[in-house]
């Protein structure tokens, strides 16, 4: 049997053995935990170093951006001042523009009114001096009706015979109208442009031309005229005879003729129903006749004969053939060409 002291010693030894066993287990566990903590600390250190590097980069970028911001802020201040200056200049320029626009509108209105008056002058000018524009003024029914007494006087007792009446008109014109050249007349030429939707004259020129187209009544009253005036008078007298006396209208043309030497002439062409042609030219003292009576011939033959009649001028180069509506003087160019082309047109119009 153990004594009390021995029991105590045994108990202490047992306790120390157990305690040592427990301490070793805890130590092993603590060492393991320590290893894990050290690994975790290493990871955290690496993360911390990485974050420090990232933070240093951010700090650098922030410094750069802060510098750029300061530069942009300075630029913004400068540009804002420039904008303010430009805006003030814009307001001033707009005020001046509005004043100029109002002034321009006033000038444009004045120019438009002036252009309208010059257009009237231009229209008067070309209708006084240029064929075919003059037809509307000279060969309307009002002007033709004014000379009816002279038509009755010309045809006399031959009013029932068409061919004799036309020949009488030709003779009356060459007897009562003396051929004279025109005195100079003003010709106005203009060019137009569009400004703010308004048609205004952009160019104005003046010229003096030896040409004035008289009305039939003017030619009779003056007792003189050139080829244009005599052709217009002859045309008007024949038309009044056809419509006002014979009561049967038929085709009748005014021919503007250009010779090979550049000389311009005018005559009356009378086509017939069978495709023949009679030329009535009082200024040129030419009439299509057979022996002593007015006649009609094959258009090509007659035009060749007529062209040869003007051989001293080089013969006929071009003929403009106009048909006129004597109701209002409007006209249309029905044929243009040499003697062959005009003859073909007359024959095809049969």
C-alpha atoms as a PDB file:
ATOM      1  CA  UNK A   1       0.000   0.000   0.000  1.00  0.00           C
ATOM      2  CA  UNK A   2       1.097   3.452  -0.860  1.00  0.00           C
ATOM      3  CA  UNK A   3       1.581   5.991   1.748  1.00  0.00           C
ATOM      4  CA  UNK A   4      -0.115   9.312   1.495  1.00  0.00           C
ATOM      5  CA  UNK A   5       3.056  10.978   0.272  1.00  0.00           C
ATOM      6  CA  UNK A   6       3.532   8.401  -2.413  1.00  0.00           C
ATOM      7  CA  UNK A   7      -0.023   8.809  -3.569  1.00  0.00           C
ATOM      8  CA  UNK A   8       0.549  12.485  -3.900  1.00  0.00           C
ATOM      9  CA  UNK A   9       3.730  11.995  -5.911  1.00  0.00           C
ATOM     10  CA  UNK A  10       2.019   9.487  -8.167  1.00  0.00           C
ATOM     11  CA  UNK A  11      -0.820  11.916  -8.704  1.00  0.00           C
ATOM     12  CA  UNK A  12       1.631  14.680  -9.524  1.00  0.00           C
ATOM     13  CA  UNK A  13       3.485  12.460 -12.004  1.00  0.00           C
ATOM     14  CA  UNK A  14       0.244  11.436 -13.670  1.00  0.00           C
ATOM     15  CA  UNK A  15      -0.813  15.056 -13.894  1.00  0.00           C
ATOM     16  CA  UNK A  16       2.527  16.067 -15.377  1.00  0.00           C
ATOM     17  CA  UNK A  17       2.351  13.285 -17.939  1.00  0.00           C
ATOM     18  CA  UNK A  18      -1.155  14.210 -18.947  1.00  0.00           C
ATOM     19  CA  UNK A  19      -0.314  17.900 -18.970  1.00  0.00           C
ATOM     20  CA  UNK A  20       2.735  17.290 -21.125  1.00  0.00           C
ATOM     21  CA  UNK A  21       0.696  15.259 -23.572  1.00  0.00           C
ATOM     22  CA  UNK A  22      -1.886  17.997 -23.751  1.00  0.00           C
ATOM     23  CA  UNK A  23       0.784  20.735 -24.196  1.00  0.00           C
ATOM     24  CA  UNK A  24       2.421  18.899 -27.063  1.00  0.00           C
ATOM     25  CA  UNK A  25      -0.921  18.606 -28.879  1.00  0.00           C
ATOM     26  CA  UNK A  26      -1.651  22.286 -28.320  1.00  0.00           C
ATOM     27  CA  UNK A  27       1.838  23.217 -29.387  1.00  0.00           C
ATOM     28  CA  UNK A  28       1.428  21.208 -32.587  1.00  0.00           C
ATOM     29  CA  UNK A  29      -1.921  22.838 -33.191  1.00  0.00           C
ATOM     30  CA  UNK A  30      -0.524  26.264 -32.446  1.00  0.00           C
ATOM     31  CA  UNK A  31       2.449  25.674 -34.706  1.00  0.00           C
ATOM     32  CA  UNK A  32       0.117  24.628 -37.496  1.00  0.00           C
ATOM     33  CA  UNK A  33      -2.049  27.695 -36.908  1.00  0.00           C
ATOM     34  CA  UNK A  34       1.102  29.814 -36.791  1.00  0.00           C
ATOM     35  CA  UNK A  35       2.177  28.484 -40.184  1.00  0.00           C
ATOM     36  CA  UNK A  36      -1.227  29.284 -41.596  1.00  0.00           C
ATOM     37  CA  UNK A  37      -1.127  32.743 -40.057  1.00  0.00           C
ATOM     38  CA  UNK A  38       2.313  33.366 -41.482  1.00  0.00           C
ATOM     39  CA  UNK A  39       1.095  32.334 -44.951  1.00  0.00           C
ATOM     40  CA  UNK A  40      -1.919  34.596 -44.537  1.00  0.00           C
ATOM     41  CA  UNK A  41       0.323  37.436 -43.383  1.00  0.00           C
ATOM     42  CA  UNK A  42       2.483  36.927 -46.481  1.00  0.00           C
ATOM     43  CA  UNK A  43      -0.570  37.094 -48.699  1.00  0.00           C
ATOM     44  CA  UNK A  44      -1.780  40.201 -46.931  1.00  0.00           C
ATOM     45  CA  UNK A  45       1.672  41.774 -47.233  1.00  0.00           C
ATOM     46  CA  UNK A  46       1.739  41.056 -50.948  1.00  0.00           C
ATOM     47  CA  UNK A  47      -1.762  42.526 -51.291  1.00  0.00           C
ATOM     48  CA  UNK A  48      -0.702  45.503 -49.234  1.00  0.00           C
ATOM     49  CA  UNK A  49       2.364  46.071 -51.406  1.00  0.00           C
ATOM     50  CA  UNK A  50       0.231  45.737 -54.545  1.00  0.00           C
ATOM     51  CA  UNK A  51      -2.319  48.185 -53.151  1.00  0.00           C
ATOM     52  CA  UNK A  52       0.439  50.571 -52.182  1.00  0.00           C
ATOM     53  CA  UNK A  53       1.785  50.425 -55.777  1.00  0.00           C
ATOM     54  CA  UNK A  54      -1.766  50.923 -57.179  1.00  0.00           C
ATOM     55  CA  UNK A  55      -2.333  53.764 -54.727  1.00  0.00           C
ATOM     56  CA  UNK A  56       0.925  55.380 -55.804  1.00  0.00           C
ATOM     57  CA  UNK A  57      -0.245  55.107 -59.474  1.00  0.00           C
ATOM     58  CA  UNK A  58      -3.583  56.624 -58.585  1.00  0.00           C
ATOM     59  CA  UNK A  59      -1.814  59.371 -56.727  1.00  0.00           C
ATOM     60  CA  UNK A  60       0.351  60.082 -59.783  1.00  0.00           C
ATOM     61  CA  UNK A  61      -2.646  60.048 -62.112  1.00  0.00           C
ATOM     62  CA  UNK A  62      -4.494  62.326 -59.735  1.00  0.00           C
ATOM     63  CA  UNK A  63      -1.554  64.748 -59.820  1.00  0.00           C
ATOM     64  CA  UNK A  64      -1.525  64.664 -63.642  1.00  0.00           C
ATOM     65  CA  UNK A  65      -5.308  65.116 -63.858  1.00  0.00           C
ATOM     66  CA  UNK A  66      -5.175  67.903 -61.316  1.00  0.00           C
ATOM     67  CA  UNK A  67      -2.550  69.651 -63.451  1.00  0.00           C
ATOM     68  CA  UNK A  68      -4.670  69.156 -66.605  1.00  0.00           C
ATOM     69  CA  UNK A  69      -7.745  70.388 -64.782  1.00  0.00           C
ATOM     70  CA  UNK A  70      -5.883  73.531 -63.747  1.00  0.00           C
ATOM     71  CA  UNK A  71      -4.775  74.050 -67.382  1.00  0.00           C
ATOM     72  CA  UNK A  72      -8.312  73.416 -68.698  1.00  0.00           C
ATOM     73  CA  UNK A  73      -9.756  75.733 -66.082  1.00  0.00           C
ATOM     74  CA  UNK A  74      -7.369  78.443 -67.272  1.00  0.00           C
ATOM     75  CA  UNK A  75      -8.345  77.725 -70.904  1.00  0.00           C
ATOM     76  CA  UNK A  76     -12.016  77.770 -69.985  1.00  0.00           C
ATOM     77  CA  UNK A  77     -11.604  81.170 -68.352  1.00  0.00           C
ATOM     78  CA  UNK A  78      -9.779  82.426 -71.448  1.00  0.00           C
ATOM     79  CA  UNK A  79     -12.357  80.952 -73.859  1.00  0.00           C
ATOM     80  CA  UNK A  80     -15.240  82.260 -71.788  1.00  0.00           C
ATOM     81  CA  UNK A  81     -13.784  85.728 -72.058  1.00  0.00           C
ATOM     82  CA  UNK A  82     -13.263  85.230 -75.822  1.00  0.00           C
ATOM     83  CA  UNK A  83     -16.856  83.979 -76.142  1.00  0.00           C
ATOM     84  CA  UNK A  84     -18.102  87.008 -74.238  1.00  0.00           C
ATOM     85  CA  UNK A  85     -16.108  89.294 -76.543  1.00  0.00           C
ATOM     86  CA  UNK A  86     -17.359  87.447 -79.656  1.00  0.00           C
ATOM     87  CA  UNK A  87     -20.933  87.554 -78.408  1.00  0.00           C
ATOM     88  CA  UNK A  88     -20.674  91.297 -77.919  1.00  0.00           C
ATOM     89  CA  UNK A  89     -19.206  91.600 -81.417  1.00  0.00           C
ATOM     90  CA  UNK A  90     -21.988  89.347 -82.787  1.00  0.00           C
ATOM     91  CA  UNK A  91     -24.675  91.506 -81.196  1.00  0.00           C
ATOM     92  CA  UNK A  92     -23.057  94.603 -82.705  1.00  0.00           C
ATOM     93  CA  UNK A  93     -22.709  92.980 -86.136  1.00  0.00           C
ATOM     94  CA  UNK A  94     -26.300  91.735 -86.017  1.00  0.00           C
ATOM     95  CA  UNK A  95     -27.484  95.243 -85.255  1.00  0.00           C
ATOM     96  CA  UNK A  96     -25.464  96.563 -88.193  1.00  0.00           C
ATOM     97  CA  UNK A  97     -26.714  93.695 -90.403  1.00  0.00           C
ATOM     98  CA  UNK A  98     -30.336  94.470 -89.560  1.00  0.00           C
ATOM     99  CA  UNK A  99     -29.721  98.110 -90.413  1.00  0.00           C
ATOM    100  CA  UNK A 100     -28.032  97.120 -93.694  1.00  0.00           C
ATOM    101  CA  UNK A 101     -30.777  94.598 -94.486  1.00  0.00           C
ATOM    102  CA  UNK A 102     -33.438  97.243 -94.012  1.00  0.00           C
ATOM    103  CA  UNK A 103     -31.417  99.587 -96.219  1.00  0.00           C
ATOM    104  CA  UNK A 104     -30.924  96.825 -98.813  1.00  0.00           C
ATOM    105  CA  UNK A 105     -34.648  96.088 -98.839  1.00  0.00           C
ATOM    106  CA  UNK A 106     -35.338  99.736 -99.493  1.00  0.00           C
ATOM    107  CA  UNK A 107     -32.741  99.766-102.296  1.00  0.00           C
ATOM    108  CA  UNK A 108     -34.162  96.501-103.666  1.00  0.00           C
ATOM    109  CA  UNK A 109     -37.681  97.922-103.714  1.00  0.00           C
ATOM    110  CA  UNK A 110     -36.396 101.000-105.519  1.00  0.00           C
ATOM    111  CA  UNK A 111     -34.399  98.813-107.923  1.00  0.00           C
ATOM    112  CA  UNK A 112     -37.444  96.621-108.546  1.00  0.00           C
ATOM    113  CA  UNK A 113     -39.585  99.663-109.363  1.00  0.00           C
ATOM    114  CA  UNK A 114     -36.840 101.045-111.597  1.00  0.00           C
ATOM    115  CA  UNK A 115     -36.446  97.642-113.273  1.00  0.00           C
ATOM    116  CA  UNK A 116     -40.173  97.609-113.979  1.00  0.00           C
ATOM    117  CA  UNK A 117     -39.978 101.016-115.642  1.00  0.00           C
ATOM    118  CA  UNK A 118     -36.875 100.042-117.603  1.00  0.00           C
ATOM    119  CA  UNK A 119     -38.640  96.838-118.686  1.00  0.00           C
ATOM    120  CA  UNK A 120     -41.450  98.959-120.107  1.00  0.00           C
ATOM    121  CA  UNK A 121     -38.841 101.048-121.914  1.00  0.00           C
ATOM    122  CA  UNK A 122     -37.133  97.851-123.130  1.00  0.00           C
ATOM    123  CA  UNK A 123     -40.439  96.432-124.431  1.00  0.00           C
ATOM    124  CA  UNK A 124     -41.267  99.703-126.149  1.00  0.00           C
ATOM    125  CA  UNK A 125     -37.783  99.761-127.632  1.00  0.00           C
ATOM    126  CA  UNK A 126     -37.844  96.283-129.148  1.00  0.00           C
ATOM    127  CA  UNK A 127     -41.447  96.559-130.370  1.00  0.00           C
ATOM    128  CA  UNK A 128     -40.499  99.806-132.091  1.00  0.00           C
ATOM    129  CA  UNK A 129     -37.295  98.612-133.725  1.00  0.00           C
ATOM    130  CA  UNK A 130     -37.119  94.817-134.035  1.00  0.00           C
ATOM    131  CA  UNK A 131     -38.890  92.194-136.135  1.00  0.00           C
ATOM    132  CA  UNK A 132     -40.814  90.096-135.131  1.00  0.00           C
ATOM    133  CA  UNK A 133     -41.532  91.899-131.829  1.00  0.00           C
ATOM    134  CA  UNK A 134     -43.068  94.819-133.723  1.00  0.00           C
ATOM    135  CA  UNK A 135     -45.890  92.701-135.165  1.00  0.00           C
ATOM    136  CA  UNK A 136     -47.955  92.850-131.983  1.00  0.00           C
ATOM    137  CA  UNK A 137     -47.926  96.659-132.136  1.00  0.00           C
ATOM    138  CA  UNK A 138     -48.330  97.098-135.895  1.00  0.00           C
ATOM    139  CA  UNK A 139     -50.449  94.186-137.146  1.00  0.00           C
ATOM    140  CA  UNK A 140     -53.310  93.862-134.682  1.00  0.00           C
ATOM    141  CA  UNK A 141     -56.867  94.271-135.929  1.00  0.00           C
ATOM    142  CA  UNK A 142     -57.213  97.783-134.488  1.00  0.00           C
ATOM    143  CA  UNK A 143     -54.291  99.077-136.572  1.00  0.00           C
ATOM    144  CA  UNK A 144     -55.491  97.163-139.635  1.00  0.00           C
ATOM    145  CA  UNK A 145     -59.042  98.518-139.290  1.00  0.00           C
ATOM    146  CA  UNK A 146     -57.736 102.093-139.203  1.00  0.00           C
ATOM    147  CA  UNK A 147     -56.582 101.852-142.864  1.00  0.00           C
ATOM    148  CA  UNK A 148     -59.793 100.343-144.285  1.00  0.00           C
ATOM    149  CA  UNK A 149     -60.546 103.489-146.332  1.00  0.00           C
ATOM    150  CA  UNK A 150     -57.193 103.201-148.135  1.00  0.00           C
ATOM    151  CA  UNK A 151     -57.889  99.526-148.913  1.00  0.00           C
ATOM    152  CA  UNK A 152     -61.219 100.446-150.516  1.00  0.00           C
ATOM    153  CA  UNK A 153     -59.443 103.220-152.398  1.00  0.00           C
ATOM    154  CA  UNK A 154     -56.747 100.837-153.620  1.00  0.00           C
ATOM    155  CA  UNK A 155     -58.942  97.977-154.867  1.00  0.00           C
ATOM    156  CA  UNK A 156     -61.679 100.223-156.313  1.00  0.00           C
ATOM    157  CA  UNK A 157     -63.906  98.359-158.700  1.00  0.00           C
ATOM    158  CA  UNK A 158     -61.667  95.272-158.639  1.00  0.00           C
ATOM    159  CA  UNK A 159     -62.760  94.304-155.129  1.00  0.00           C
ATOM    160  CA  UNK A 160     -64.626  91.284-156.530  1.00  0.00           C
ATOM    161  CA  UNK A 161     -61.497  89.858-158.195  1.00  0.00           C
ATOM    162  CA  UNK A 162     -58.968  88.495-155.698  1.00  0.00           C
ATOM    163  CA  UNK A 163     -55.898  88.595-157.939  1.00  0.00           C
ATOM    164  CA  UNK A 164     -56.664  92.033-159.373  1.00  0.00           C
ATOM    165  CA  UNK A 165     -57.384  93.409-155.882  1.00  0.00           C
ATOM    166  CA  UNK A 166     -54.048  92.157-154.507  1.00  0.00           C
ATOM    167  CA  UNK A 167     -52.221  93.594-157.524  1.00  0.00           C
ATOM    168  CA  UNK A 168     -54.054  96.894-156.995  1.00  0.00           C
ATOM    169  CA  UNK A 169     -52.876  96.976-153.376  1.00  0.00           C
ATOM    170  CA  UNK A 170     -49.275  96.384-154.511  1.00  0.00           C
ATOM    171  CA  UNK A 171     -49.552  99.214-157.050  1.00  0.00           C
ATOM    172  CA  UNK A 172     -51.150 101.526-154.481  1.00  0.00           C
ATOM    173  CA  UNK A 173     -48.299 101.003-152.015  1.00  0.00           C
ATOM    174  CA  UNK A 174     -45.501 101.622-154.533  1.00  0.00           C
ATOM    175  CA  UNK A 175     -47.373 104.695-155.785  1.00  0.00           C
ATOM    176  CA  UNK A 176     -48.159 106.319-152.436  1.00  0.00           C
ATOM    177  CA  UNK A 177     -45.170 105.279-150.305  1.00  0.00           C
ATOM    178  CA  UNK A 178     -41.687 106.515-151.047  1.00  0.00           C
ATOM    179  CA  UNK A 179     -38.801 104.283-150.018  1.00  0.00           C
ATOM    180  CA  UNK A 180     -36.567 105.991-147.444  1.00  0.00           C
ATOM    181  CA  UNK A 181     -34.098 104.663-144.911  1.00  0.00           C
ATOM    182  CA  UNK A 182     -35.028 104.890-141.246  1.00  0.00           C
ATOM    183  CA  UNK A 183     -33.505 107.524-138.984  1.00  0.00           C
ATOM    184  CA  UNK A 184     -31.649 106.294-135.869  1.00  0.00           C
ATOM    185  CA  UNK A 185     -33.843 105.069-133.025  1.00  0.00           C
ATOM    186  CA  UNK A 186     -32.942 104.084-129.496  1.00  0.00           C
ATOM    187  CA  UNK A 187     -32.654 100.371-128.750  1.00  0.00           C
ATOM    188  CA  UNK A 188     -32.538  99.385-125.082  1.00  0.00           C
ATOM    189  CA  UNK A 189     -30.959  96.050-124.151  1.00  0.00           C
ATOM    190  CA  UNK A 190     -31.191  94.559-120.662  1.00  0.00           C
ATOM    191  CA  UNK A 191     -30.091  91.529-118.672  1.00  0.00           C
ATOM    192  CA  UNK A 192     -31.972  90.272-115.629  1.00  0.00           C
ATOM    193  CA  UNK A 193     -31.031  88.547-112.386  1.00  0.00           C
ATOM    194  CA  UNK A 194     -32.967  87.373-109.329  1.00  0.00           C
ATOM    195  CA  UNK A 195     -32.264  89.085-105.993  1.00  0.00           C
ATOM    196  CA  UNK A 196     -34.181  87.902-102.919  1.00  0.00           C
ATOM    197  CA  UNK A 197     -36.892  86.486-105.138  1.00  0.00           C
ATOM    198  CA  UNK A 198     -37.271  89.676-107.184  1.00  0.00           C
ATOM    199  CA  UNK A 199     -36.440  89.898-110.891  1.00  0.00           C
ATOM    200  CA  UNK A 200     -34.267  92.974-111.363  1.00  0.00           C
ATOM    201  CA  UNK A 201     -32.152  94.364-114.165  1.00  0.00           C
ATOM    202  CA  UNK A 202     -28.470  93.561-113.730  1.00  0.00           C
ATOM    203  CA  UNK A 203     -27.181  95.200-116.916  1.00  0.00           C
ATOM    204  CA  UNK A 204     -28.479  98.001-119.126  1.00  0.00           C
ATOM    205  CA  UNK A 205     -27.141  98.998-122.521  1.00  0.00           C
ATOM    206  CA  UNK A 206     -28.254 101.514-125.125  1.00  0.00           C
ATOM    207  CA  UNK A 207     -27.695 101.460-128.843  1.00  0.00           C
ATOM    208  CA  UNK A 208     -28.829 103.537-131.787  1.00  0.00           C
ATOM    209  CA  UNK A 209     -30.181 101.523-134.717  1.00  0.00           C
ATOM    210  CA  UNK A 210     -31.418 102.707-138.086  1.00  0.00           C
ATOM    211  CA  UNK A 211     -34.676 100.866-137.778  1.00  0.00           C
ATOM    212  CA  UNK A 212     -38.191 101.796-136.726  1.00  0.00           C
ATOM    213  CA  UNK A 213     -41.226  99.698-137.636  1.00  0.00           C
ATOM    214  CA  UNK A 214     -44.090 102.043-138.485  1.00  0.00           C
ATOM    215  CA  UNK A 215     -47.726 101.100-138.066  1.00  0.00           C
ATOM    216  CA  UNK A 216     -49.650 100.911-141.370  1.00  0.00           C
ATOM    217  CA  UNK A 217     -51.385 104.183-140.530  1.00  0.00           C
ATOM    218  CA  UNK A 218     -48.058 105.933-139.823  1.00  0.00           C
ATOM    219  CA  UNK A 219     -46.640 104.790-143.157  1.00  0.00           C
ATOM    220  CA  UNK A 220     -49.701 106.097-145.008  1.00  0.00           C
ATOM    221  CA  UNK A 221     -49.644 109.424-143.148  1.00  0.00           C
ATOM    222  CA  UNK A 222     -45.914 109.918-143.694  1.00  0.00           C
ATOM    223  CA  UNK A 223     -46.065 108.685-147.287  1.00  0.00           C
ATOM    224  CA  UNK A 224     -42.677 107.009-146.815  1.00  0.00           C
ATOM    225  CA  UNK A 225     -40.945 104.075-145.169  1.00  0.00           C
ATOM    226  CA  UNK A 226     -38.391 101.333-145.673  1.00  0.00           C
ATOM    227  CA  UNK A 227     -38.900  97.673-146.617  1.00  0.00           C
ATOM    228  CA  UNK A 228     -40.226  96.758-143.133  1.00  0.00           C
ATOM    229  CA  UNK A 229     -42.826  99.534-143.211  1.00  0.00           C
ATOM    230  CA  UNK A 230     -43.935  98.807-146.768  1.00  0.00           C
ATOM    231  CA  UNK A 231     -44.226  95.051-146.104  1.00  0.00           C
ATOM    232  CA  UNK A 232     -46.248  95.661-142.913  1.00  0.00           C
ATOM    233  CA  UNK A 233     -48.546  98.081-144.757  1.00  0.00           C
ATOM    234  CA  UNK A 234     -49.015  95.670-147.675  1.00  0.00           C
ATOM    235  CA  UNK A 235     -49.737  92.781-145.309  1.00  0.00           C
ATOM    236  CA  UNK A 236     -52.271  94.879-143.375  1.00  0.00           C
ATOM    237  CA  UNK A 237     -54.084  96.040-146.551  1.00  0.00           C
ATOM    238  CA  UNK A 238     -54.270  92.497-147.974  1.00  0.00           C
ATOM    239  CA  UNK A 239     -55.538  91.127-144.655  1.00  0.00           C
ATOM    240  CA  UNK A 240     -58.243  93.771-144.440  1.00  0.00           C
ATOM    241  CA  UNK A 241     -59.256  92.988-148.008  1.00  0.00           C
ATOM    242  CA  UNK A 242     -59.437  89.254-147.201  1.00  0.00           C
ATOM    243  CA  UNK A 243     -61.376  89.612-143.940  1.00  0.00           C
ATOM    244  CA  UNK A 244     -63.211  92.938-144.237  1.00  0.00           C
ATOM    245  CA  UNK A 245     -64.159  92.978-147.932  1.00  0.00           C
ATOM    246  CA  UNK A 246     -63.848  89.480-149.408  1.00  0.00           C
ATOM    247  CA  UNK A 247     -64.982  87.902-146.103  1.00  0.00           C
ATOM    248  CA  UNK A 248     -62.669  84.950-146.638  1.00  0.00           C
ATOM    249  CA  UNK A 249     -59.375  84.731-144.837  1.00  0.00           C
ATOM    250  CA  UNK A 250     -56.486  82.610-146.083  1.00  0.00           C
ATOM    251  CA  UNK A 251     -52.792  82.084-145.228  1.00  0.00           C
ATOM    252  CA  UNK A 252     -50.475  85.040-145.676  1.00  0.00           C
ATOM    253  CA  UNK A 253     -46.897  85.330-144.423  1.00  0.00           C
ATOM    254  CA  UNK A 254     -44.371  88.043-143.740  1.00  0.00           C
ATOM    255  CA  UNK A 255     -40.904  86.950-144.820  1.00  0.00           C
ATOM    256  CA  UNK A 256     -37.792  88.368-143.195  1.00  0.00           C
ATOM    257  CA  UNK A 257     -35.007  87.773-145.697  1.00  0.00           C
ATOM    258  CA  UNK A 258     -31.255  87.760-145.051  1.00  0.00           C
ATOM    259  CA  UNK A 259     -29.049  88.101-148.125  1.00  0.00           C
ATOM    260  CA  UNK A 260     -25.624  86.482-148.480  1.00  0.00           C
ATOM    261  CA  UNK A 261     -23.939  89.871-148.011  1.00  0.00           C
ATOM    262  CA  UNK A 262     -25.797  90.389-144.707  1.00  0.00           C
ATOM    263  CA  UNK A 263     -28.421  92.809-146.050  1.00  0.00           C
ATOM    264  CA  UNK A 264     -31.870  92.325-144.440  1.00  0.00           C
ATOM    265  CA  UNK A 265     -35.119  92.740-146.353  1.00  0.00           C
ATOM    266  CA  UNK A 266     -38.826  92.059-145.834  1.00  0.00           C
ATOM    267  CA  UNK A 267     -41.646  91.031-148.155  1.00  0.00           C
ATOM    268  CA  UNK A 268     -45.076  89.367-148.176  1.00  0.00           C
ATOM    269  CA  UNK A 269     -45.529  85.738-149.261  1.00  0.00           C
ATOM    270  CA  UNK A 270     -48.956  84.598-150.476  1.00  0.00           C
ATOM    271  CA  UNK A 271     -49.317  80.799-150.807  1.00  0.00           C
ATOM    272  CA  UNK A 272     -52.206  79.335-152.767  1.00  0.00           C
ATOM    273  CA  UNK A 273     -54.345  76.259-152.262  1.00  0.00           C
ATOM    274  CA  UNK A 274     -52.625  74.374-155.068  1.00  0.00           C
ATOM    275  CA  UNK A 275     -49.188  74.761-153.462  1.00  0.00           C
ATOM    276  CA  UNK A 276     -47.926  77.668-155.554  1.00  0.00           C
ATOM    277  CA  UNK A 277     -46.463  80.937-154.309  1.00  0.00           C
ATOM    278  CA  UNK A 278     -46.859  84.635-155.007  1.00  0.00           C
ATOM    279  CA  UNK A 279     -44.250  87.098-153.708  1.00  0.00           C
ATOM    280  CA  UNK A 280     -45.372  90.680-153.043  1.00  0.00           C
ATOM    281  CA  UNK A 281     -42.425  92.991-152.384  1.00  0.00           C
ATOM    282  CA  UNK A 282     -43.258  96.669-152.883  1.00  0.00           C
ATOM    283  CA  UNK A 283     -39.966  97.956-151.432  1.00  0.00           C
ATOM    284  CA  UNK A 284     -37.999  95.746-153.818  1.00  0.00           C
ATOM    285  CA  UNK A 285     -40.409  96.504-156.669  1.00  0.00           C
ATOM    286  CA  UNK A 286     -40.958  92.801-157.144  1.00  0.00           C
ATOM    287  CA  UNK A 287     -44.245  91.010-157.834  1.00  0.00           C
ATOM    288  CA  UNK A 288     -44.836  87.498-159.128  1.00  0.00           C
ATOM    289  CA  UNK A 289     -46.421  88.190-162.505  1.00  0.00           C
ATOM    290  CA  UNK A 290     -47.066  86.507-165.813  1.00  0.00           C
ATOM    291  CA  UNK A 291     -46.722  89.043-168.630  1.00  0.00           C
ATOM    292  CA  UNK A 292     -48.445  91.960-166.848  1.00  0.00           C
ATOM    293  CA  UNK A 293     -50.801  90.225-164.429  1.00  0.00           C
ATOM    294  CA  UNK A 294     -50.110  88.934-160.947  1.00  0.00           C
ATOM    295  CA  UNK A 295     -49.591  85.207-160.909  1.00  0.00           C
ATOM    296  CA  UNK A 296     -48.449  82.317-158.712  1.00  0.00           C
ATOM    297  CA  UNK A 297     -45.701  79.831-159.466  1.00  0.00           C
ATOM    298  CA  UNK A 298     -44.026  76.718-158.189  1.00  0.00           C
ATOM    299  CA  UNK A 299     -42.435  77.816-154.858  1.00  0.00           C
ATOM    300  CA  UNK A 300     -38.926  76.566-155.648  1.00  0.00           C
ATOM    301  CA  UNK A 301     -38.880  78.146-159.115  1.00  0.00           C
ATOM    302  CA  UNK A 302     -40.271  81.409-157.793  1.00  0.00           C
ATOM    303  CA  UNK A 303     -37.850  81.571-154.862  1.00  0.00           C
ATOM    304  CA  UNK A 304     -34.901  80.934-157.181  1.00  0.00           C
ATOM    305  CA  UNK A 305     -36.155  83.716-159.488  1.00  0.00           C
ATOM    306  CA  UNK A 306     -36.574  86.005-156.469  1.00  0.00           C
ATOM    307  CA  UNK A 307     -33.107  85.129-155.152  1.00  0.00           C
ATOM    308  CA  UNK A 308     -31.551  85.876-158.550  1.00  0.00           C
ATOM    309  CA  UNK A 309     -33.386  89.195-158.498  1.00  0.00           C
ATOM    310  CA  UNK A 310     -31.185  90.054-155.514  1.00  0.00           C
ATOM    311  CA  UNK A 311     -27.966  88.813-157.109  1.00  0.00           C
ATOM    312  CA  UNK A 312     -26.247  92.139-156.475  1.00  0.00           C
ATOM    313  CA  UNK A 313     -26.629  91.346-152.758  1.00  0.00           C
ATOM    314  CA  UNK A 314     -25.357  87.788-153.202  1.00  0.00           C
ATOM    315  CA  UNK A 315     -28.817  86.249-153.424  1.00  0.00           C
ATOM    316  CA  UNK A 316     -30.936  84.917-150.580  1.00  0.00           C
ATOM    317  CA  UNK A 317     -29.244  83.092-147.719  1.00  0.00           C
ATOM    318  CA  UNK A 318     -32.009  82.650-145.121  1.00  0.00           C
ATOM    319  CA  UNK A 319     -35.737  83.290-144.892  1.00  0.00           C
ATOM    320  CA  UNK A 320     -37.734  83.627-141.651  1.00  0.00           C
ATOM    321  CA  UNK A 321     -41.402  82.957-142.405  1.00  0.00           C
ATOM    322  CA  UNK A 322     -43.886  84.419-139.900  1.00  0.00           C
ATOM    323  CA  UNK A 323     -47.580  83.703-139.515  1.00  0.00           C
ATOM    324  CA  UNK A 324     -49.476  86.467-137.709  1.00  0.00           C
ATOM    325  CA  UNK A 325     -52.743  86.371-135.803  1.00  0.00           C
ATOM    326  CA  UNK A 326     -54.187  89.759-136.735  1.00  0.00           C
ATOM    327  CA  UNK A 327     -56.671  89.524-133.870  1.00  0.00           C
ATOM    328  CA  UNK A 328     -53.996  90.551-131.377  1.00  0.00           C
ATOM    329  CA  UNK A 329     -50.768  90.757-133.393  1.00  0.00           C
ATOM    330  CA  UNK A 330     -49.307  87.574-131.921  1.00  0.00           C
ATOM    331  CA  UNK A 331     -47.047  85.619-134.232  1.00  0.00           C
ATOM    332  CA  UNK A 332     -45.169  82.388-134.725  1.00  0.00           C
ATOM    333  CA  UNK A 333     -42.186  81.412-136.819  1.00  0.00           C
ATOM    334  CA  UNK A 334     -43.570  78.694-139.090  1.00  0.00           C
ATOM    335  CA  UNK A 335     -40.454  78.082-141.201  1.00  0.00           C
ATOM    336  CA  UNK A 336     -36.782  79.003-141.245  1.00  0.00           C
ATOM    337  CA  UNK A 337     -34.221  78.070-143.853  1.00  0.00           C
ATOM    338  CA  UNK A 338     -32.866  78.575-147.351  1.00  0.00           C
ATOM    339  CA  UNK A 339     -34.962  78.688-150.525  1.00  0.00           C
ATOM    340  CA  UNK A 340     -35.175  74.879-150.697  1.00  0.00           C
ATOM    341  CA  UNK A 341     -36.491  74.543-147.132  1.00  0.00           C
ATOM    342  CA  UNK A 342     -38.997  77.390-147.499  1.00  0.00           C
ATOM    343  CA  UNK A 343     -40.236  76.008-150.826  1.00  0.00           C
ATOM    344  CA  UNK A 344     -40.666  72.570-149.252  1.00  0.00           C
ATOM    345  CA  UNK A 345     -42.652  74.074-146.361  1.00  0.00           C
ATOM    346  CA  UNK A 346     -45.002  75.995-148.690  1.00  0.00           C
ATOM    347  CA  UNK A 347     -45.598  72.952-150.889  1.00  0.00           C
ATOM    348  CA  UNK A 348     -46.225  70.718-147.856  1.00  0.00           C
ATOM    349  CA  UNK A 349     -48.724  73.240-146.438  1.00  0.00           C
ATOM    350  CA  UNK A 350     -51.033  72.880-149.422  1.00  0.00           C
END
